[in-house]
Amino acid sequence: MLGLLAAYVIGFQPDIKGELPYDEEFTGLKDRIIIKFSHVVAENTPKGLAAAHFAQLVKEKSQDRVEVQVFPNGMLYTEDTEIAALQHDDVQMIAPSFSNMNKIDPMWLVMDLPFLFQNQEEVDRSLQGALGQRLLATLEAKGLKGAAFWHNGFRQVTNNVRPLRTPEDFQGLKFRIQPSTVLERQFKALNASTISTPFNELYRTLETGRADGQENTISNILSKRLYQVQRFMTISNHGYLGYVVTFNKRFWENLPPDVQQLLQEALRETSDWNNRESLLHQNQLQSLLQNQSLQIITLSDEEKALWKKRFEPLYEEFTVIIGKNLMNEIR
């Protein structure tokens, strides 16, 4: 036994320079760049899948020099805390929804205006043009680096009380919303009240009756199993839900130029992939249609016109907050 111990000790003696040996498997790990990427949705949603796809691309492009560690489902931070965590460099990357960005600058409220976009093509054209550049420019002064826009899709309305076809059907109901004054005023225009809770508390909020309903994309309704605690869904496409991929600015600026370049390449490829995949996720509606406990209603053109008419005053109301020039451009 002593002989074996002696052999073990002898085998790990310092070299003639007095340096301890090391396992070659860990060579270069001290030079590895770690990026903690926190988000709040499920792994099988458009954002969750895009985050995983991005991490894999970075791994391949950097040959393991850069590691993106993805933390889904609010494991690290919630919607309410992830932006502050990024600013403090507790994480280096997040992808908050547009509705959560108005705490950075009220200009982001423009993305919550109901019926602002008619289809995904209009969304793409706007975000790839002047509107997208204006929104990203608001982040620099807050210590953030906006890097890309990712899709999720259009919002639909669910509730547990009655079918929602006309504005009058919303009377007296309470809806969970994201923290946005536009969304709050949207439901107030329908004579409904609101409550704002983090996304990961949404199921419980509906299950316990703290809210009668909510608005969300089909992929979120399906992945969070909200259909289990809601009886009615209206296909309204009244609002858009997207994400802005964001880095801590100081962290980004301290990265080597070649790493910045490969991250930008991986983001471009992931954004293109995400945009294609998000369209495929629209097919998830078929899964919900097969659920007999959920009654699904699609608004007619006439019914949708009634909603638009009810929401029209919001555009004038928020012109002062969002900015007259921007409002004139988008209208």
Protein backbone atom coordinates (compact mmCIF):
# COMPACT_ATOMS: atom_id res chain seq x y z
CA MET A 1 0.00 0.00 0.00
CA LEU A 2 2.81 2.39 0.91
CA GLY A 3 4.51 1.50 -2.33
CA LEU A 4 1.42 2.43 -4.33
CA LEU A 5 1.08 5.71 -2.43
CA ALA A 6 4.74 6.49 -3.04
CA ALA A 7 4.32 5.77 -6.74
CA TYR A 8 1.23 8.06 -6.84
CA VAL A 9 3.12 10.89 -5.14
CA ILE A 10 6.21 10.43 -7.29
CA GLY A 11 4.07 10.47 -10.41
CA PHE A 12 2.80 13.97 -9.57
CA GLN A 13 6.03 15.62 -8.40
CA PRO A 14 6.63 19.25 -9.54
CA ASP A 15 8.95 19.63 -12.52
CA ILE A 16 12.46 21.09 -12.17
CA LYS A 17 11.04 24.61 -12.34
CA GLY A 18 8.76 23.95 -9.38
CA GLU A 19 5.52 24.05 -11.47
CA LEU A 20 2.70 21.62 -10.80
CA PRO A 21 1.67 19.42 -13.73
CA TYR A 22 -1.82 19.72 -15.23
CA ASP A 23 -4.26 17.63 -17.20
CA GLU A 24 -3.99 18.42 -20.89
CA GLU A 25 -7.79 18.07 -21.16
CA PHE A 26 -8.14 21.43 -19.42
CA THR A 27 -5.56 23.26 -21.51
CA GLY A 28 -6.97 26.57 -22.73
CA LEU A 29 -10.00 26.61 -20.43
CA LYS A 30 -8.64 29.67 -18.65
CA ASP A 31 -8.89 31.51 -21.97
CA ARG A 32 -12.47 30.43 -22.64
CA ILE A 33 -15.04 33.21 -22.84
CA ILE A 34 -18.26 32.45 -20.96
CA ILE A 35 -21.51 34.18 -21.90
CA LYS A 36 -24.45 33.62 -19.56
CA PHE A 37 -27.68 33.94 -21.56
CA SER A 38 -30.80 34.20 -19.37
CA HIS A 39 -34.38 34.12 -20.67
CA VAL A 40 -37.82 33.44 -19.21
CA VAL A 41 -39.64 31.20 -21.70
CA ALA A 42 -39.66 27.46 -22.28
CA GLU A 43 -36.96 25.73 -24.29
CA ASN A 44 -39.45 24.62 -26.98
CA THR A 45 -40.64 28.15 -27.82
CA PRO A 46 -39.23 30.24 -30.70
CA LYS A 47 -36.95 32.17 -28.32
CA GLY A 48 -35.90 29.07 -26.40
CA LEU A 49 -35.03 27.20 -29.58
CA ALA A 50 -33.21 30.23 -31.01
CA ALA A 51 -31.10 30.57 -27.85
CA ALA A 52 -30.04 26.92 -28.05
CA HIS A 53 -29.34 27.24 -31.78
CA PHE A 54 -27.21 30.34 -31.19
CA ALA A 55 -25.22 28.62 -28.43
CA GLN A 56 -24.44 25.68 -30.71
CA LEU A 57 -23.39 27.94 -33.58
CA VAL A 58 -21.05 29.89 -31.32
CA LYS A 59 -19.53 26.67 -30.02
CA GLU A 60 -18.83 25.49 -33.57
CA LYS A 61 -17.62 28.81 -34.96
CA SER A 62 -15.28 29.48 -32.03
CA GLN A 63 -14.07 25.87 -31.76
CA ASP A 64 -15.06 25.90 -28.08
CA ARG A 65 -13.25 29.16 -27.36
CA VAL A 66 -16.59 30.83 -26.56
CA GLU A 67 -19.27 29.10 -24.50
CA VAL A 68 -22.84 30.40 -24.35
CA GLN A 69 -24.54 29.02 -21.25
CA VAL A 70 -28.32 29.23 -21.70
CA PHE A 71 -30.61 29.49 -18.64
CA PRO A 72 -34.29 29.18 -19.74
CA ASN A 73 -37.59 29.40 -17.88
CA GLY A 74 -36.49 32.22 -15.59
CA MET A 75 -34.00 29.92 -13.82
CA LEU A 76 -31.79 32.90 -12.99
CA TYR A 77 -33.91 36.03 -13.42
CA THR A 78 -37.50 36.96 -14.16
CA GLU A 79 -38.86 39.54 -16.60
CA ASP A 80 -38.80 42.06 -13.76
CA THR A 81 -35.14 41.52 -12.88
CA GLU A 82 -33.29 40.38 -16.02
CA ILE A 83 -32.55 43.87 -17.42
CA ALA A 84 -30.98 45.02 -14.14
CA ALA A 85 -29.01 41.76 -13.98
CA LEU A 86 -27.65 42.47 -17.46
CA GLN A 87 -26.73 46.04 -16.60
CA HIS A 88 -24.82 44.75 -13.55
CA ASP A 89 -23.08 42.10 -15.69
CA ASP A 90 -24.54 39.28 -13.58
CA VAL A 91 -25.46 37.83 -16.97
CA GLN A 92 -24.03 38.95 -20.28
CA MET A 93 -26.95 38.34 -22.60
CA ILE A 94 -30.77 38.44 -22.49
CA ALA A 95 -33.60 38.63 -25.02
CA PRO A 96 -36.46 40.54 -23.36
CA SER A 97 -39.78 41.09 -25.09
CA PHE A 98 -40.48 44.51 -26.55
CA SER A 99 -43.07 45.18 -23.84
CA ASN A 100 -40.39 44.94 -21.15
CA MET A 101 -38.16 47.49 -22.85
CA ASN A 102 -40.29 50.57 -22.15
CA LYS A 103 -38.57 50.82 -18.75
CA ILE A 104 -35.42 51.61 -20.78
CA ASP A 105 -37.10 54.15 -23.06
CA PRO A 106 -40.80 54.97 -23.66
CA MET A 107 -40.16 54.80 -27.41
CA TRP A 108 -40.48 51.01 -27.10
CA LEU A 109 -44.17 51.46 -26.27
CA VAL A 110 -44.74 51.88 -29.99
CA MET A 111 -44.36 48.11 -30.41
CA ASP A 112 -47.34 47.52 -28.09
CA LEU A 113 -49.82 49.63 -30.06
CA PRO A 114 -52.73 47.41 -31.11
CA PHE A 115 -53.01 46.56 -34.81
CA LEU A 116 -49.79 48.44 -35.60
CA PHE A 117 -48.76 45.63 -37.98
CA GLN A 118 -50.96 43.65 -40.32
CA ASN A 119 -48.54 40.77 -40.92
CA GLN A 120 -45.03 39.49 -40.31
CA GLU A 121 -43.69 41.15 -43.46
CA GLU A 122 -44.60 44.57 -42.09
CA VAL A 123 -42.88 43.74 -38.81
CA ASP A 124 -39.70 42.69 -40.61
CA ARG A 125 -39.67 45.76 -42.83
CA SER A 126 -40.02 48.09 -39.86
CA LEU A 127 -37.46 46.43 -37.60
CA GLN A 128 -34.90 46.13 -40.38
CA GLY A 129 -35.39 49.79 -41.24
CA ALA A 130 -35.47 53.14 -39.46
CA LEU A 131 -37.77 52.01 -36.63
CA GLY A 132 -35.43 49.20 -35.64
CA GLN A 133 -32.41 51.50 -35.69
CA ARG A 134 -34.20 54.08 -33.52
CA LEU A 135 -35.16 51.47 -30.96
CA LEU A 136 -31.67 49.98 -30.73
CA ALA A 137 -30.15 53.44 -30.35
CA THR A 138 -32.05 53.93 -27.06
CA LEU A 139 -30.04 51.15 -25.40
CA GLU A 140 -26.50 52.52 -25.54
CA ALA A 141 -26.93 55.12 -22.80
CA LYS A 142 -28.28 52.41 -20.47
CA GLY A 143 -25.19 50.23 -20.74
CA LEU A 144 -26.77 47.82 -23.23
CA LYS A 145 -25.87 46.64 -26.71
CA GLY A 146 -28.84 45.69 -28.91
CA ALA A 147 -27.76 43.03 -31.37
CA ALA A 148 -30.76 41.43 -33.10
CA PHE A 149 -34.54 41.06 -33.22
CA TRP A 150 -36.17 37.65 -32.83
CA HIS A 151 -39.76 36.72 -33.68
CA ASN A 152 -42.46 35.04 -31.65
CA GLY A 153 -45.65 36.06 -33.41
CA PHE A 154 -48.95 37.84 -32.93
CA ARG A 155 -50.88 37.92 -29.69
CA GLN A 156 -54.23 36.22 -29.19
CA VAL A 157 -56.64 36.66 -26.26
CA THR A 158 -57.75 33.88 -23.92
CA ASN A 159 -60.11 33.91 -20.95
CA ASN A 160 -62.06 31.61 -18.69
CA VAL A 161 -65.45 33.34 -18.66
CA ARG A 162 -66.98 33.79 -22.12
CA PRO A 163 -66.21 34.05 -25.85
CA LEU A 164 -64.71 37.42 -26.86
CA ARG A 165 -65.92 38.72 -30.21
CA THR A 166 -66.83 42.37 -29.69
CA PRO A 167 -65.37 45.07 -27.42
CA GLU A 168 -68.46 44.78 -25.21
CA ASP A 169 -67.57 41.17 -24.37
CA PHE A 170 -64.57 42.37 -22.32
CA GLN A 171 -66.73 44.29 -19.84
CA GLY A 172 -65.73 43.58 -16.23
CA LEU A 173 -63.04 40.98 -16.96
CA LYS A 174 -59.48 41.09 -15.61
CA PHE A 175 -56.47 40.29 -17.80
CA ARG A 176 -52.84 39.59 -17.03
CA ILE A 177 -50.57 41.82 -19.12
CA GLN A 178 -46.89 42.61 -19.46
CA PRO A 179 -45.74 45.83 -17.76
CA SER A 180 -46.80 48.34 -20.42
CA THR A 181 -49.02 51.40 -20.12
CA VAL A 182 -50.15 50.84 -23.72
CA LEU A 183 -51.39 47.35 -22.86
CA GLU A 184 -53.01 48.66 -19.70
CA ARG A 185 -54.85 51.36 -21.65
CA GLN A 186 -55.74 48.86 -24.37
CA PHE A 187 -57.80 46.80 -21.94
CA LYS A 188 -59.16 49.86 -20.20
CA ALA A 189 -60.55 50.94 -23.58
CA LEU A 190 -62.40 47.61 -23.56
CA ASN A 191 -63.76 48.32 -20.04
CA ALA A 192 -61.59 45.55 -18.59
CA SER A 193 -59.03 45.71 -15.76
CA THR A 194 -55.47 44.40 -15.71
CA ILE A 195 -52.83 42.83 -13.52
CA SER A 196 -49.12 42.55 -14.32
CA THR A 197 -47.25 39.43 -13.22
CA PRO A 198 -44.02 37.74 -14.42
CA PHE A 199 -44.43 35.26 -17.25
CA ASN A 200 -43.42 32.29 -15.11
CA GLU A 201 -46.27 33.09 -12.70
CA LEU A 202 -48.85 33.34 -15.47
CA TYR A 203 -50.22 29.79 -15.24
CA ARG A 204 -50.73 30.10 -11.49
CA THR A 205 -52.31 33.53 -11.92
CA LEU A 206 -54.93 32.07 -14.24
CA GLU A 207 -55.36 28.84 -12.29
CA THR A 208 -56.12 30.68 -9.04
CA GLY A 209 -58.47 33.16 -10.70
CA ARG A 210 -56.35 36.24 -9.98
CA ALA A 211 -56.97 37.03 -13.64
CA ASP A 212 -59.77 35.88 -15.93
CA GLY A 213 -57.62 35.92 -19.04
CA GLN A 214 -54.43 37.00 -20.77
CA GLU A 215 -52.95 37.79 -24.20
CA ASN A 216 -50.11 35.80 -25.73
CA THR A 217 -48.73 34.08 -28.79
CA ILE A 218 -49.89 30.64 -29.78
CA SER A 219 -46.48 29.12 -29.02
CA ASN A 220 -46.53 30.53 -25.46
CA ILE A 221 -50.12 29.43 -24.89
CA LEU A 222 -49.19 25.93 -25.96
CA SER A 223 -45.76 25.60 -24.31
CA LYS A 224 -46.99 26.98 -20.96
CA ARG A 225 -50.17 24.86 -21.21
CA LEU A 226 -52.35 27.87 -20.62
CA TYR A 227 -55.13 26.05 -22.46
CA GLN A 228 -55.50 23.88 -19.35
CA VAL A 229 -56.74 26.85 -17.32
CA GLN A 230 -58.58 28.80 -20.05
CA ARG A 231 -61.81 27.93 -21.82
CA PHE A 232 -61.91 30.43 -24.69
CA MET A 233 -59.38 31.81 -27.16
CA THR A 234 -59.92 34.54 -29.75
CA ILE A 235 -57.65 34.63 -32.80
CA SER A 236 -57.31 38.40 -33.04
CA ASN A 237 -53.68 39.07 -34.07
CA HIS A 238 -54.14 42.43 -32.37
CA GLY A 239 -50.58 42.86 -31.09
CA TYR A 240 -47.08 41.69 -31.84
CA LEU A 241 -44.66 39.94 -29.48
CA GLY A 242 -40.98 40.00 -30.37
CA TYR A 243 -37.62 40.06 -28.61
CA VAL A 244 -34.49 42.20 -28.73
CA VAL A 245 -31.28 40.23 -28.21
CA THR A 246 -29.13 42.35 -25.92
CA PHE A 247 -25.60 42.22 -24.47
CA ASN A 248 -24.04 44.05 -21.58
CA LYS A 249 -22.34 46.92 -23.44
CA ARG A 250 -19.08 46.93 -21.47
CA PHE A 251 -18.78 43.15 -21.77
CA TRP A 252 -19.33 43.43 -25.54
CA GLU A 253 -16.77 46.19 -25.98
CA ASN A 254 -14.14 44.22 -24.06
CA LEU A 255 -14.49 41.19 -26.33
CA PRO A 256 -11.73 40.62 -28.90
CA PRO A 257 -12.77 41.90 -32.37
CA ASP A 258 -12.71 38.40 -33.87
CA VAL A 259 -15.08 37.16 -31.14
CA GLN A 260 -17.43 40.09 -31.76
CA GLN A 261 -17.43 39.17 -35.44
CA LEU A 262 -18.22 35.48 -34.90
CA LEU A 263 -21.01 36.40 -32.44
CA GLN A 264 -22.50 38.76 -35.01
CA GLU A 265 -22.30 36.05 -37.67
CA ALA A 266 -23.94 33.52 -35.35
CA LEU A 267 -26.68 36.03 -34.49
CA ARG A 268 -27.42 36.77 -38.15
CA GLU A 269 -27.68 33.09 -38.93
CA THR A 270 -29.77 32.43 -35.83
CA SER A 271 -32.09 35.36 -36.61
CA ASP A 272 -32.72 34.00 -40.12
CA TRP A 273 -33.29 30.55 -38.65
CA ASN A 274 -35.58 31.91 -35.92
CA ASN A 275 -37.64 33.86 -38.43
CA ARG A 276 -38.23 30.69 -40.45
CA GLU A 277 -38.94 28.59 -37.38
CA SER A 278 -41.40 31.09 -35.90
CA LEU A 279 -43.53 30.75 -39.02
CA LEU A 280 -43.53 26.99 -38.54
CA HIS A 281 -44.70 27.45 -34.96
CA GLN A 282 -47.87 29.03 -36.26
CA ASN A 283 -48.86 25.47 -37.14
CA GLN A 284 -49.16 24.88 -33.40
CA LEU A 285 -52.64 26.32 -33.73
CA GLN A 286 -53.65 22.93 -35.11
CA SER A 287 -52.65 21.34 -31.80
CA LEU A 288 -54.87 23.77 -29.92
CA LEU A 289 -57.75 23.19 -32.33
CA GLN A 290 -57.69 19.52 -31.38
CA ASN A 291 -58.15 20.40 -27.71
CA GLN A 292 -61.86 20.01 -27.09
CA SER A 293 -61.77 21.87 -23.78
CA LEU A 294 -60.73 25.11 -25.51
CA GLN A 295 -63.24 26.95 -27.69
CA ILE A 296 -61.40 28.90 -30.41
CA ILE A 297 -62.95 31.88 -32.18
CA THR A 298 -61.54 33.71 -35.19
CA LEU A 299 -62.59 37.33 -35.60
CA SER A 300 -64.38 38.27 -38.80
CA ASP A 301 -63.26 41.39 -40.67
CA GLU A 302 -66.29 43.24 -39.32
CA GLU A 303 -65.56 42.24 -35.73
CA LYS A 304 -61.90 43.17 -36.10
CA ALA A 305 -62.95 46.59 -37.40
CA LEU A 306 -64.88 47.15 -34.16
CA TRP A 307 -61.74 46.40 -32.12
CA LYS A 308 -59.64 48.75 -34.25
CA LYS A 309 -62.16 51.56 -33.86
CA ARG A 310 -62.14 51.14 -30.08
CA PHE A 311 -58.32 51.27 -30.00
CA GLU A 312 -57.90 54.22 -32.35
CA PRO A 313 -57.72 56.87 -29.55
CA LEU A 314 -54.62 55.15 -28.14
CA TYR A 315 -52.54 56.38 -31.06
CA GLU A 316 -53.28 60.01 -30.28
CA GLU A 317 -52.94 59.45 -26.54
CA PHE A 318 -49.43 58.01 -26.80
CA THR A 319 -48.10 60.39 -29.43
CA VAL A 320 -46.78 62.71 -26.72
CA ILE A 321 -45.03 59.84 -24.91
CA ILE A 322 -43.63 57.94 -27.90
CA GLY A 323 -42.81 61.00 -29.98
CA LYS A 324 -44.71 62.84 -32.70
CA ASN A 325 -42.11 62.25 -35.42
CA LEU A 326 -42.02 58.50 -34.86
CA MET A 327 -45.80 58.25 -34.65
CA ASN A 328 -46.18 60.15 -37.90
CA GLU A 329 -43.71 57.81 -39.58
CA ILE A 330 -45.40 54.60 -38.51
CA ARG A 331 -48.89 55.86 -39.34
